PDB file of N, CA and C in Angstrom:
ATOM      1  N   UNK A   1      -6.404  -9.652 -27.988  1.00  0.00           N
ATOM      2  CA  UNK A   1      -5.839  -8.314 -27.977  1.00  0.00           C
ATOM      3  C   UNK A   1      -6.908  -7.343 -27.493  1.00  0.00           C
ATOM      4  N   UNK A   2      -6.506  -6.411 -26.650  1.00  0.00           N
ATOM      5  CA  UNK A   2      -7.447  -5.454 -26.093  1.00  0.00           C
ATOM      6  C   UNK A   2      -7.864  -4.452 -27.177  1.00  0.00           C
ATOM      7  N   UNK A   3      -9.117  -3.957 -27.113  1.00  0.00           N
ATOM      8  CA  UNK A   3      -9.603  -3.054 -28.157  1.00  0.00           C
ATOM      9  C   UNK A   3      -8.742  -1.813 -28.360  1.00  0.00           C
ATOM     10  N   UNK A   4      -8.254  -1.198 -27.272  1.00  0.00           N
ATOM     11  CA  UNK A   4      -7.452   0.010 -27.445  1.00  0.00           C
ATOM     12  C   UNK A   4      -6.129  -0.304 -28.118  1.00  0.00           C
ATOM     13  N   UNK A   5      -5.584  -1.487 -27.877  1.00  0.00           N
ATOM     14  CA  UNK A   5      -4.335  -1.883 -28.539  1.00  0.00           C
ATOM     15  C   UNK A   5      -4.575  -2.091 -30.032  1.00  0.00           C
ATOM     16  N   UNK A   6      -5.733  -2.665 -30.368  1.00  0.00           N
ATOM     17  CA  UNK A   6      -6.058  -2.865 -31.778  1.00  0.00           C
ATOM     18  C   UNK A   6      -6.179  -1.511 -32.465  1.00  0.00           C
ATOM     19  N   UNK A   7      -6.796  -0.549 -31.791  1.00  0.00           N
ATOM     20  CA  UNK A   7      -6.961   0.788 -32.344  1.00  0.00           C
ATOM     21  C   UNK A   7      -5.598   1.454 -32.540  1.00  0.00           C
ATOM     22  N   UNK A   8      -4.732   1.371 -31.527  1.00  0.00           N
ATOM     23  CA  UNK A   8      -3.400   1.952 -31.645  1.00  0.00           C
ATOM     24  C   UNK A   8      -2.597   1.277 -32.753  1.00  0.00           C
ATOM     25  N   UNK A   9      -2.745  -0.041 -32.846  1.00  0.00           N
ATOM     26  CA  UNK A   9      -2.040  -0.789 -33.874  1.00  0.00           C
ATOM     27  C   UNK A   9      -2.504  -0.341 -35.262  1.00  0.00           C
ATOM     28  N   UNK A  10      -3.816  -0.165 -35.412  1.00  0.00           N
ATOM     29  CA  UNK A  10      -4.366   0.304 -36.680  1.00  0.00           C
ATOM     30  C   UNK A  10      -3.822   1.690 -37.019  1.00  0.00           C
ATOM     31  N   UNK A  11      -3.809   2.573 -36.028  1.00  0.00           N
ATOM     32  CA  UNK A  11      -3.310   3.929 -36.256  1.00  0.00           C
ATOM     33  C   UNK A  11      -1.840   3.903 -36.660  1.00  0.00           C
ATOM     34  N   UNK A  12      -1.066   3.110 -35.959  1.00  0.00           N
ATOM     35  CA  UNK A  12       0.367   3.049 -36.247  1.00  0.00           C
ATOM     36  C   UNK A  12       0.630   2.491 -37.639  1.00  0.00           C
ATOM     37  N   UNK A  13      -0.185   1.526 -38.053  1.00  0.00           N
ATOM     38  CA  UNK A  13       0.055   0.855 -39.322  1.00  0.00           C
ATOM     39  C   UNK A  13      -0.508   1.608 -40.519  1.00  0.00           C
ATOM     40  N   UNK A  14      -1.619   2.307 -40.358  1.00  0.00           N
ATOM     41  CA  UNK A  14      -2.252   2.888 -41.531  1.00  0.00           C
ATOM     42  C   UNK A  14      -2.354   4.404 -41.515  1.00  0.00           C
ATOM     43  N   UNK A  15      -2.812   4.966 -40.448  1.00  0.00           N
ATOM     44  CA  UNK A  15      -3.083   6.404 -40.416  1.00  0.00           C
ATOM     45  C   UNK A  15      -1.810   7.220 -40.263  1.00  0.00           C
ATOM     46  N   UNK A  16      -0.936   6.835 -39.352  1.00  0.00           N
ATOM     47  CA  UNK A  16       0.272   7.620 -39.093  1.00  0.00           C
ATOM     48  C   UNK A  16       1.139   7.788 -40.332  1.00  0.00           C
ATOM     49  N   UNK A  17       1.454   6.715 -41.080  1.00  0.00           N
ATOM     50  CA  UNK A  17       2.271   6.924 -42.284  1.00  0.00           C
ATOM     51  C   UNK A  17       1.610   7.863 -43.293  1.00  0.00           C
ATOM     52  N   UNK A  18       0.286   7.789 -43.418  1.00  0.00           N
ATOM     53  CA  UNK A  18      -0.415   8.682 -44.345  1.00  0.00           C
ATOM     54  C   UNK A  18      -0.318  10.131 -43.880  1.00  0.00           C
ATOM     55  N   UNK A  19      -0.456  10.361 -42.579  1.00  0.00           N
ATOM     56  CA  UNK A  19      -0.343  11.720 -42.051  1.00  0.00           C
ATOM     57  C   UNK A  19       1.071  12.264 -42.231  1.00  0.00           C
ATOM     58  N   UNK A  20       2.040  11.425 -41.975  1.00  0.00           N
ATOM     59  CA  UNK A  20       3.422  11.869 -42.079  1.00  0.00           C
ATOM     60  C   UNK A  20       3.807  12.196 -43.512  1.00  0.00           C
ATOM     61  N   UNK A  21       3.176  11.539 -44.470  1.00  0.00           N
ATOM     62  CA  UNK A  21       3.476  11.782 -45.872  1.00  0.00           C
ATOM     63  C   UNK A  21       2.923  13.134 -46.335  1.00  0.00           C
ATOM     64  N   UNK A  22       1.952  13.659 -45.617  1.00  0.00           N
ATOM     65  CA  UNK A  22       1.345  14.933 -45.973  1.00  0.00           C
ATOM     66  C   UNK A  22       2.302  16.073 -45.648  1.00  0.00           C
ATOM     67  N   UNK A  23       2.561  16.975 -46.631  1.00  0.00           N
ATOM     68  CA  UNK A  23       3.469  18.087 -46.347  1.00  0.00           C
ATOM     69  C   UNK A  23       2.915  19.050 -45.308  1.00  0.00           C
ATOM     70  N   UNK A  24       1.590  19.078 -45.142  1.00  0.00           N
ATOM     71  CA  UNK A  24       0.985  19.982 -44.161  1.00  0.00           C
ATOM     72  C   UNK A  24       1.221  19.491 -42.740  1.00  0.00           C
ATOM     73  N   UNK A  25       1.522  18.218 -42.602  1.00  0.00           N
ATOM     74  CA  UNK A  25       1.723  17.631 -41.279  1.00  0.00           C
ATOM     75  C   UNK A  25       3.200  17.336 -41.102  1.00  0.00           C
ATOM     76  N   UNK A  26       3.883  18.179 -40.384  1.00  0.00           N
ATOM     77  CA  UNK A  26       5.316  17.988 -40.164  1.00  0.00           C
ATOM     78  C   UNK A  26       5.577  17.898 -38.670  1.00  0.00           C
ATOM     79  N   UNK A  27       6.130  16.784 -38.264  1.00  0.00           N
ATOM     80  CA  UNK A  27       6.471  16.607 -36.858  1.00  0.00           C
ATOM     81  C   UNK A  27       7.787  17.301 -36.548  1.00  0.00           C
ATOM     82  N   UNK A  28       7.833  17.918 -35.397  1.00  0.00           N
ATOM     83  CA  UNK A  28       9.078  18.522 -34.941  1.00  0.00           C
ATOM     84  C   UNK A  28       9.859  17.479 -34.153  1.00  0.00           C
ATOM     85  N   UNK A  29      11.089  17.798 -33.856  1.00  0.00           N
ATOM     86  CA  UNK A  29      11.890  16.878 -33.046  1.00  0.00           C
ATOM     87  C   UNK A  29      11.282  16.723 -31.654  1.00  0.00           C
ATOM     88  N   UNK A  30      10.651  17.755 -31.142  1.00  0.00           N
ATOM     89  CA  UNK A  30       9.972  17.653 -29.846  1.00  0.00           C
ATOM     90  C   UNK A  30       8.833  16.648 -29.910  1.00  0.00           C
ATOM     91  N   UNK A  31       8.077  16.677 -31.005  1.00  0.00           N
ATOM     92  CA  UNK A  31       6.990  15.712 -31.186  1.00  0.00           C
ATOM     93  C   UNK A  31       7.539  14.289 -31.242  1.00  0.00           C
ATOM     94  N   UNK A  32       8.640  14.132 -31.948  1.00  0.00           N
ATOM     95  CA  UNK A  32       9.253  12.812 -32.071  1.00  0.00           C
ATOM     96  C   UNK A  32       9.753  12.311 -30.719  1.00  0.00           C
ATOM     97  N   UNK A  33      10.333  13.196 -29.949  1.00  0.00           N
ATOM     98  CA  UNK A  33      10.809  12.803 -28.609  1.00  0.00           C
ATOM     99  C   UNK A  33       9.639  12.450 -27.697  1.00  0.00           C
ATOM    100  N   UNK A  34       8.513  13.138 -27.872  1.00  0.00           N
ATOM    101  CA  UNK A  34       7.308  12.806 -27.098  1.00  0.00           C
ATOM    102  C   UNK A  34       6.808  11.412 -27.473  1.00  0.00           C
ATOM    103  N   UNK A  35       6.882  11.073 -28.762  1.00  0.00           N
ATOM    104  CA  UNK A  35       6.500   9.719 -29.191  1.00  0.00           C
ATOM    105  C   UNK A  35       7.445   8.687 -28.581  1.00  0.00           C
ATOM    106  N   UNK A  36       8.730   9.005 -28.543  1.00  0.00           N
ATOM    107  CA  UNK A  36       9.702   8.108 -27.907  1.00  0.00           C
ATOM    108  C   UNK A  36       9.372   7.903 -26.432  1.00  0.00           C
ATOM    109  N   UNK A  37       8.986   8.990 -25.767  1.00  0.00           N
ATOM    110  CA  UNK A  37       8.642   8.904 -24.342  1.00  0.00           C
ATOM    111  C   UNK A  37       7.423   8.009 -24.129  1.00  0.00           C
ATOM    112  N   UNK A  38       6.428   8.120 -25.000  1.00  0.00           N
ATOM    113  CA  UNK A  38       5.245   7.258 -24.901  1.00  0.00           C
ATOM    114  C   UNK A  38       5.631   5.799 -25.100  1.00  0.00           C
ATOM    115  N   UNK A  39       6.537   5.562 -26.014  1.00  0.00           N
ATOM    116  CA  UNK A  39       7.039   4.199 -26.250  1.00  0.00           C
ATOM    117  C   UNK A  39       7.706   3.664 -24.988  1.00  0.00           C
ATOM    118  N   UNK A  40       8.584   4.457 -24.402  1.00  0.00           N
ATOM    119  CA  UNK A  40       9.297   4.007 -23.201  1.00  0.00           C
ATOM    120  C   UNK A  40       8.346   3.781 -22.034  1.00  0.00           C
ATOM    121  N   UNK A  41       7.328   4.622 -21.902  1.00  0.00           N
ATOM    122  CA  UNK A  41       6.337   4.422 -20.837  1.00  0.00           C
ATOM    123  C   UNK A  41       5.579   3.120 -21.043  1.00  0.00           C
ATOM    124  N   UNK A  42       5.222   2.814 -22.283  1.00  0.00           N
ATOM    125  CA  UNK A  42       4.523   1.559 -22.579  1.00  0.00           C
ATOM    126  C   UNK A  42       5.427   0.362 -22.305  1.00  0.00           C
ATOM    127  N   UNK A  43       6.703   0.473 -22.656  1.00  0.00           N
ATOM    128  CA  UNK A  43       7.655  -0.604 -22.395  1.00  0.00           C
ATOM    129  C   UNK A  43       7.820  -0.844 -20.898  1.00  0.00           C
ATOM    130  N   UNK A  44       7.938   0.252 -20.134  1.00  0.00           N
ATOM    131  CA  UNK A  44       8.100   0.123 -18.681  1.00  0.00           C
ATOM    132  C   UNK A  44       6.871  -0.542 -18.077  1.00  0.00           C
ATOM    133  N   UNK A  45       5.703  -0.159 -18.559  1.00  0.00           N
ATOM    134  CA  UNK A  45       4.470  -0.769 -18.051  1.00  0.00           C
ATOM    135  C   UNK A  45       4.439  -2.267 -18.340  1.00  0.00           C
ATOM    136  N   UNK A  46       4.970  -2.674 -19.471  1.00  0.00           N
ATOM    137  CA  UNK A  46       5.003  -4.098 -19.813  1.00  0.00           C
ATOM    138  C   UNK A  46       6.111  -4.839 -19.071  1.00  0.00           C
ATOM    139  N   UNK A  47       7.232  -4.180 -18.838  1.00  0.00           N
ATOM    140  CA  UNK A  47       8.379  -4.836 -18.193  1.00  0.00           C
ATOM    141  C   UNK A  47       8.272  -4.905 -16.678  1.00  0.00           C
ATOM    142  N   UNK A  48       7.589  -3.967 -16.054  1.00  0.00           N
ATOM    143  CA  UNK A  48       7.539  -3.901 -14.593  1.00  0.00           C
ATOM    144  C   UNK A  48       7.039  -5.192 -13.953  1.00  0.00           C
ATOM    145  N   UNK A  49       5.903  -5.762 -14.385  1.00  0.00           N
ATOM    146  CA  UNK A  49       5.460  -7.003 -13.736  1.00  0.00           C
ATOM    147  C   UNK A  49       6.445  -8.160 -13.922  1.00  0.00           C
ATOM    148  N   UNK A  50       7.099  -8.201 -15.064  1.00  0.00           N
ATOM    149  CA  UNK A  50       8.081  -9.264 -15.326  1.00  0.00           C
ATOM    150  C   UNK A  50       9.276  -9.100 -14.391  1.00  0.00           C
ATOM    151  N   UNK A  51       9.768  -7.874 -14.266  1.00  0.00           N
ATOM    152  CA  UNK A  51      10.908  -7.616 -13.383  1.00  0.00           C
ATOM    153  C   UNK A  51      10.559  -7.921 -11.927  1.00  0.00           C
ATOM    154  N   UNK A  52       9.356  -7.530 -11.502  1.00  0.00           N
ATOM    155  CA  UNK A  52       8.946  -7.791 -10.120  1.00  0.00           C
ATOM    156  C   UNK A  52       8.854  -9.280  -9.841  1.00  0.00           C
ATOM    157  N   UNK A  53       8.293 -10.039 -10.784  1.00  0.00           N
ATOM    158  CA  UNK A  53       8.179 -11.489 -10.602  1.00  0.00           C
ATOM    159  C   UNK A  53       9.566 -12.128 -10.522  1.00  0.00           C
ATOM    160  N   UNK A  54      10.457 -11.710 -11.418  1.00  0.00           N
ATOM    161  CA  UNK A  54      11.808 -12.272 -11.405  1.00  0.00           C
ATOM    162  C   UNK A  54      12.539 -11.904 -10.112  1.00  0.00           C
ATOM    163  N   UNK A  55      12.325 -10.696  -9.606  1.00  0.00           N
ATOM    164  CA  UNK A  55      12.963 -10.263  -8.357  1.00  0.00           C
ATOM    165  C   UNK A  55      12.448 -11.094  -7.179  1.00  0.00           C
ATOM    166  N   UNK A  56      11.152 -11.370  -7.152  1.00  0.00           N
ATOM    167  CA  UNK A  56      10.595 -12.204  -6.070  1.00  0.00           C
ATOM    168  C   UNK A  56      11.190 -13.607  -6.112  1.00  0.00           C
ATOM    169  N   UNK A  57      11.315 -14.169  -7.308  1.00  0.00           N
ATOM    170  CA  UNK A  57      11.901 -15.507  -7.441  1.00  0.00           C
ATOM    171  C   UNK A  57      13.370 -15.497  -7.033  1.00  0.00           C
ATOM    172  N   UNK A  58      14.085 -14.458  -7.429  1.00  0.00           N
ATOM    173  CA  UNK A  58      15.501 -14.327  -7.090  1.00  0.00           C
ATOM    174  C   UNK A  58      15.680 -14.167  -5.577  1.00  0.00           C
ATOM    175  N   UNK A  59      14.747 -13.456  -4.948  1.00  0.00           N
ATOM    176  CA  UNK A  59      14.854 -13.142  -3.516  1.00  0.00           C
ATOM    177  C   UNK A  59      14.747 -14.378  -2.629  1.00  0.00           C
ATOM    178  N   UNK A  60      14.370 -15.488  -3.192  1.00  0.00           N
ATOM    179  CA  UNK A  60      14.305 -16.718  -2.406  1.00  0.00           C
ATOM    180  C   UNK A  60      15.695 -17.222  -2.053  1.00  0.00           C
ATOM    181  N   UNK A  61      16.691 -16.821  -2.848  1.00  0.00           N
ATOM    182  CA  UNK A  61      18.050 -17.288  -2.586  1.00  0.00           C
ATOM    183  C   UNK A  61      19.055 -16.166  -2.316  1.00  0.00           C
ATOM    184  N   UNK A  62      18.642 -14.907  -2.558  1.00  0.00           N
ATOM    185  CA  UNK A  62      19.541 -13.763  -2.362  1.00  0.00           C
ATOM    186  C   UNK A  62      18.755 -12.612  -1.761  1.00  0.00           C
ATOM    187  N   UNK A  63      19.428 -11.574  -1.277  1.00  0.00           N
ATOM    188  CA  UNK A  63      18.706 -10.413  -0.739  1.00  0.00           C
ATOM    189  C   UNK A  63      17.866  -9.725  -1.828  1.00  0.00           C
ATOM    190  N   UNK A  64      16.663  -9.303  -1.462  1.00  0.00           N
ATOM    191  CA  UNK A  64      15.729  -8.703  -2.416  1.00  0.00           C
ATOM    192  C   UNK A  64      16.315  -7.468  -3.086  1.00  0.00           C
ATOM    193  N   UNK A  65      16.962  -6.605  -2.317  1.00  0.00           N
ATOM    194  CA  UNK A  65      17.513  -5.377  -2.893  1.00  0.00           C
ATOM    195  C   UNK A  65      18.558  -5.699  -3.963  1.00  0.00           C
ATOM    196  N   UNK A  66      19.360  -6.696  -3.737  1.00  0.00           N
ATOM    197  CA  UNK A  66      20.370  -7.109  -4.708  1.00  0.00           C
ATOM    198  C   UNK A  66      19.698  -7.591  -5.994  1.00  0.00           C
ATOM    199  N   UNK A  67      18.627  -8.351  -5.846  1.00  0.00           N
ATOM    200  CA  UNK A  67      17.890  -8.854  -7.011  1.00  0.00           C
ATOM    201  C   UNK A  67      17.241  -7.716  -7.783  1.00  0.00           C
ATOM    202  N   UNK A  68      16.609  -6.794  -7.066  1.00  0.00           N
ATOM    203  CA  UNK A  68      15.953  -5.665  -7.727  1.00  0.00           C
ATOM    204  C   UNK A  68      16.955  -4.810  -8.491  1.00  0.00           C
ATOM    205  N   UNK A  69      18.121  -4.595  -7.907  1.00  0.00           N
ATOM    206  CA  UNK A  69      19.154  -3.812  -8.567  1.00  0.00           C
ATOM    207  C   UNK A  69      19.620  -4.516  -9.834  1.00  0.00           C
ATOM    208  N   UNK A  70      19.857  -5.798  -9.728  1.00  0.00           N
ATOM    209  CA  UNK A  70      20.331  -6.576 -10.868  1.00  0.00           C
ATOM    210  C   UNK A  70      19.301  -6.609 -11.995  1.00  0.00           C
ATOM    211  N   UNK A  71      18.032  -6.722 -11.641  1.00  0.00           N
ATOM    212  CA  UNK A  71      16.980  -6.859 -12.649  1.00  0.00           C
ATOM    213  C   UNK A  71      16.399  -5.523 -13.107  1.00  0.00           C
ATOM    214  N   UNK A  72      16.883  -4.415 -12.576  1.00  0.00           N
ATOM    215  CA  UNK A  72      16.326  -3.108 -12.946  1.00  0.00           C
ATOM    216  C   UNK A  72      16.535  -2.776 -14.416  1.00  0.00           C
ATOM    217  N   UNK A  73      17.506  -3.395 -15.063  1.00  0.00           N
ATOM    218  CA  UNK A  73      17.751  -3.138 -16.484  1.00  0.00           C
ATOM    219  C   UNK A  73      17.314  -4.299 -17.372  1.00  0.00           C
ATOM    220  N   UNK A  74      16.680  -5.310 -16.787  1.00  0.00           N
ATOM    221  CA  UNK A  74      16.219  -6.448 -17.578  1.00  0.00           C
ATOM    222  C   UNK A  74      15.270  -5.958 -18.673  1.00  0.00           C
ATOM    223  N   UNK A  75      15.497  -6.384 -19.882  1.00  0.00           N
ATOM    224  CA  UNK A  75      14.639  -6.026 -21.007  1.00  0.00           C
ATOM    225  C   UNK A  75      15.084  -4.790 -21.759  1.00  0.00           C
ATOM    226  N   UNK A  76      16.106  -4.085 -21.264  1.00  0.00           N
ATOM    227  CA  UNK A  76      16.620  -2.912 -21.968  1.00  0.00           C
ATOM    228  C   UNK A  76      17.582  -3.349 -23.069  1.00  0.00           C
ATOM    229  N   UNK A  77      17.815  -2.468 -24.028  1.00  0.00           N
ATOM    230  CA  UNK A  77      18.813  -2.743 -25.057  1.00  0.00           C
ATOM    231  C   UNK A  77      20.178  -2.813 -24.399  1.00  0.00           C
ATOM    232  N   UNK A  78      21.060  -3.600 -24.985  1.00  0.00           N
ATOM    233  CA  UNK A  78      22.402  -3.736 -24.422  1.00  0.00           C
ATOM    234  C   UNK A  78      23.401  -3.971 -25.550  1.00  0.00           C
ATOM    235  N   UNK A  79      24.666  -3.921 -25.213  1.00  0.00           N
ATOM    236  CA  UNK A  79      25.718  -4.165 -26.180  1.00  0.00           C
ATOM    237  C   UNK A  79      26.103  -5.635 -26.123  1.00  0.00           C
ATOM    238  N   UNK A  80      26.177  -6.252 -27.292  1.00  0.00           N
ATOM    239  CA  UNK A  80      26.544  -7.664 -27.373  1.00  0.00           C
ATOM    240  C   UNK A  80      28.044  -7.859 -27.284  1.00  0.00           C
ATOM    241  N   UNK A  81      28.465  -9.082 -27.404  1.00  0.00           N
ATOM    242  CA  UNK A  81      29.870  -9.439 -27.253  1.00  0.00           C
ATOM    243  C   UNK A  81      30.784  -8.820 -28.292  1.00  0.00           C
ATOM    244  N   UNK A  82      30.270  -8.543 -29.474  1.00  0.00           N
ATOM    245  CA  UNK A  82      31.086  -7.970 -30.545  1.00  0.00           C
ATOM    246  C   UNK A  82      30.801  -6.488 -30.760  1.00  0.00           C
ATOM    247  N   UNK A  83      30.183  -5.867 -29.785  1.00  0.00           N
ATOM    248  CA  UNK A  83      29.898  -4.446 -29.878  1.00  0.00           C
ATOM    249  C   UNK A  83      28.595  -4.114 -30.584  1.00  0.00           C
ATOM    250  N   UNK A  84      27.870  -5.145 -30.998  1.00  0.00           N
ATOM    251  CA  UNK A  84      26.592  -4.910 -31.660  1.00  0.00           C
ATOM    252  C   UNK A  84      25.504  -4.638 -30.624  1.00  0.00           C
ATOM    253  N   UNK A  85      24.451  -3.959 -31.036  1.00  0.00           N
ATOM    254  CA  UNK A  85      23.355  -3.640 -30.132  1.00  0.00           C
ATOM    255  C   UNK A  85      22.346  -4.781 -30.143  1.00  0.00           C
ATOM    256  N   UNK A  86      22.028  -5.278 -28.972  1.00  0.00           N
ATOM    257  CA  UNK A  86      20.996  -6.301 -28.814  1.00  0.00           C
ATOM    258  C   UNK A  86      19.731  -5.554 -28.389  1.00  0.00           C
ATOM    259  N   UNK A  87      18.718  -5.522 -29.255  1.00  0.00           N
ATOM    260  CA  UNK A  87      17.524  -4.732 -28.929  1.00  0.00           C
ATOM    261  C   UNK A  87      16.813  -5.239 -27.687  1.00  0.00           C
ATOM    262  N   UNK A  88      16.210  -4.304 -26.978  1.00  0.00           N
ATOM    263  CA  UNK A  88      15.458  -4.645 -25.781  1.00  0.00           C
ATOM    264  C   UNK A  88      14.108  -5.248 -26.105  1.00  0.00           C
ATOM    265  N   UNK A  89      13.394  -5.595 -25.059  1.00  0.00           N
ATOM    266  CA  UNK A  89      12.071  -6.203 -25.214  1.00  0.00           C
ATOM    267  C   UNK A  89      11.001  -5.144 -25.427  1.00  0.00           C
ATOM    268  N   UNK A  90       9.924  -5.546 -26.055  1.00  0.00           N
ATOM    269  CA  UNK A  90       8.700  -4.764 -26.216  1.00  0.00           C
ATOM    270  C   UNK A  90       8.837  -3.547 -27.123  1.00  0.00           C
ATOM    271  N   UNK A  91       9.790  -3.544 -28.011  1.00  0.00           N
ATOM    272  CA  UNK A  91       9.828  -2.478 -29.009  1.00  0.00           C
ATOM    273  C   UNK A  91       8.833  -2.756 -30.135  1.00  0.00           C
ATOM    274  N   UNK A  92       8.096  -3.857 -30.029  1.00  0.00           N
ATOM    275  CA  UNK A  92       7.065  -4.168 -31.011  1.00  0.00           C
ATOM    276  C   UNK A  92       5.686  -3.654 -30.591  1.00  0.00           C
ATOM    277  N   UNK A  93       5.621  -2.922 -29.485  1.00  0.00           N
ATOM    278  CA  UNK A  93       4.356  -2.329 -29.049  1.00  0.00           C
ATOM    279  C   UNK A  93       3.926  -1.255 -30.045  1.00  0.00           C
ATOM    280  N   UNK A  94       2.621  -1.021 -30.195  1.00  0.00           N
ATOM    281  CA  UNK A  94       2.137  -0.027 -31.166  1.00  0.00           C
ATOM    282  C   UNK A  94       2.742   1.361 -30.957  1.00  0.00           C
ATOM    283  N   UNK A  95       2.920   1.767 -29.701  1.00  0.00           N
ATOM    284  CA  UNK A  95       3.500   3.077 -29.433  1.00  0.00           C
ATOM    285  C   UNK A  95       4.925   3.172 -29.977  1.00  0.00           C
ATOM    286  N   UNK A  96       5.667   2.091 -29.849  1.00  0.00           N
ATOM    287  CA  UNK A  96       7.055   2.076 -30.311  1.00  0.00           C
ATOM    288  C   UNK A  96       7.132   2.007 -31.831  1.00  0.00           C
ATOM    289  N   UNK A  97       6.230   1.248 -32.437  1.00  0.00           N
ATOM    290  CA  UNK A  97       6.200   1.188 -33.896  1.00  0.00           C
ATOM    291  C   UNK A  97       5.832   2.546 -34.487  1.00  0.00           C
ATOM    292  N   UNK A  98       4.905   3.243 -33.842  1.00  0.00           N
ATOM    293  CA  UNK A  98       4.514   4.576 -34.314  1.00  0.00           C
ATOM    294  C   UNK A  98       5.688   5.541 -34.204  1.00  0.00           C
ATOM    295  N   UNK A  99       6.418   5.489 -33.091  1.00  0.00           N
ATOM    296  CA  UNK A  99       7.578   6.361 -32.917  1.00  0.00           C
ATOM    297  C   UNK A  99       8.652   6.048 -33.951  1.00  0.00           C
ATOM    298  N   UNK A 100       8.903   4.781 -34.182  1.00  0.00           N
ATOM    299  CA  UNK A 100       9.916   4.398 -35.156  1.00  0.00           C
ATOM    300  C   UNK A 100       9.527   4.859 -36.557  1.00  0.00           C
ATOM    301  N   UNK A 101       8.256   4.672 -36.922  1.00  0.00           N
ATOM    302  CA  UNK A 101       7.784   5.103 -38.240  1.00  0.00           C
ATOM    303  C   UNK A 101       7.911   6.617 -38.386  1.00  0.00           C
ATOM    304  N   UNK A 102       7.600   7.353 -37.334  1.00  0.00           N
ATOM    305  CA  UNK A 102       7.700   8.815 -37.382  1.00  0.00           C
ATOM    306  C   UNK A 102       9.149   9.256 -37.548  1.00  0.00           C
ATOM    307  N   UNK A 103      10.073   8.627 -36.813  1.00  0.00           N
ATOM    308  CA  UNK A 103      11.491   8.978 -36.945  1.00  0.00           C
ATOM    309  C   UNK A 103      12.010   8.644 -38.335  1.00  0.00           C
ATOM    310  N   UNK A 104      11.606   7.491 -38.872  1.00  0.00           N
ATOM    311  CA  UNK A 104      12.058   7.105 -40.207  1.00  0.00           C
ATOM    312  C   UNK A 104      11.553   8.091 -41.257  1.00  0.00           C
ATOM    313  N   UNK A 105      10.302   8.505 -41.118  1.00  0.00           N
ATOM    314  CA  UNK A 105       9.745   9.480 -42.057  1.00  0.00           C
ATOM    315  C   UNK A 105      10.452  10.825 -41.900  1.00  0.00           C
ATOM    316  N   UNK A 106      10.695  11.240 -40.691  1.00  0.00           N
ATOM    317  CA  UNK A 106      11.399  12.492 -40.444  1.00  0.00           C
ATOM    318  C   UNK A 106      12.792  12.442 -41.064  1.00  0.00           C
ATOM    319  N   UNK A 107      13.482  11.317 -40.868  1.00  0.00           N
ATOM    320  CA  UNK A 107      14.828  11.157 -41.409  1.00  0.00           C
ATOM    321  C   UNK A 107      14.802  11.168 -42.936  1.00  0.00           C
ATOM    322  N   UNK A 108      13.783  10.552 -43.507  1.00  0.00           N
ATOM    323  CA  UNK A 108      13.669  10.476 -44.969  1.00  0.00           C
ATOM    324  C   UNK A 108      13.468  11.863 -45.590  1.00  0.00           C
ATOM    325  N   UNK A 109      12.839  12.757 -44.866  1.00  0.00           N
ATOM    326  CA  UNK A 109      12.534  14.081 -45.405  1.00  0.00           C
ATOM    327  C   UNK A 109      13.629  15.110 -45.143  1.00  0.00           C
ATOM    328  N   UNK A 110      14.714  14.720 -44.501  1.00  0.00           N
ATOM    329  CA  UNK A 110      15.807  15.662 -44.246  1.00  0.00           C
ATOM    330  C   UNK A 110      16.486  16.016 -45.565  1.00  0.00           C
ATOM    331  N   UNK A 111      16.811  17.275 -45.780  1.00  0.00           N
ATOM    332  CA  UNK A 111      17.394  17.706 -47.057  1.00  0.00           C
ATOM    333  C   UNK A 111      18.802  17.159 -47.319  1.00  0.00           C
ATOM    334  N   UNK A 112      19.519  16.805 -46.264  1.00  0.00           N
ATOM    335  CA  UNK A 112      20.888  16.331 -46.464  1.00  0.00           C
ATOM    336  C   UNK A 112      20.953  14.865 -46.839  1.00  0.00           C
ATOM    337  N   UNK A 113      19.837  14.208 -46.896  1.00  0.00           N
ATOM    338  CA  UNK A 113      19.828  12.776 -47.259  1.00  0.00           C
ATOM    339  C   UNK A 113      19.863  12.588 -48.751  1.00  0.00           C
TER     340      UNK A 113
END
């Protein structure tokens, strides 16, 4: 594991929940959406090489543009056969775990809950 990933993982697992529990530290919905954006950027960075490799392999038997179009959503969340959500790939990245923890904490602190 790369050192920066270990650092992010540590922050997501230990520091972020402690900060969120502090009443002085309150994330706004804009902050939460920014965390979501960082998660999606990290996911795209992880998925891009996989999609490109699959498109190159597919292009051996079909037109490249057709393959790229078909694989452009590979790894995204989708709806299953019974209407359930099948989660996408790489939501276990530290950025995504931090965003999820922040949203859960934000949701927990809502007065209507």
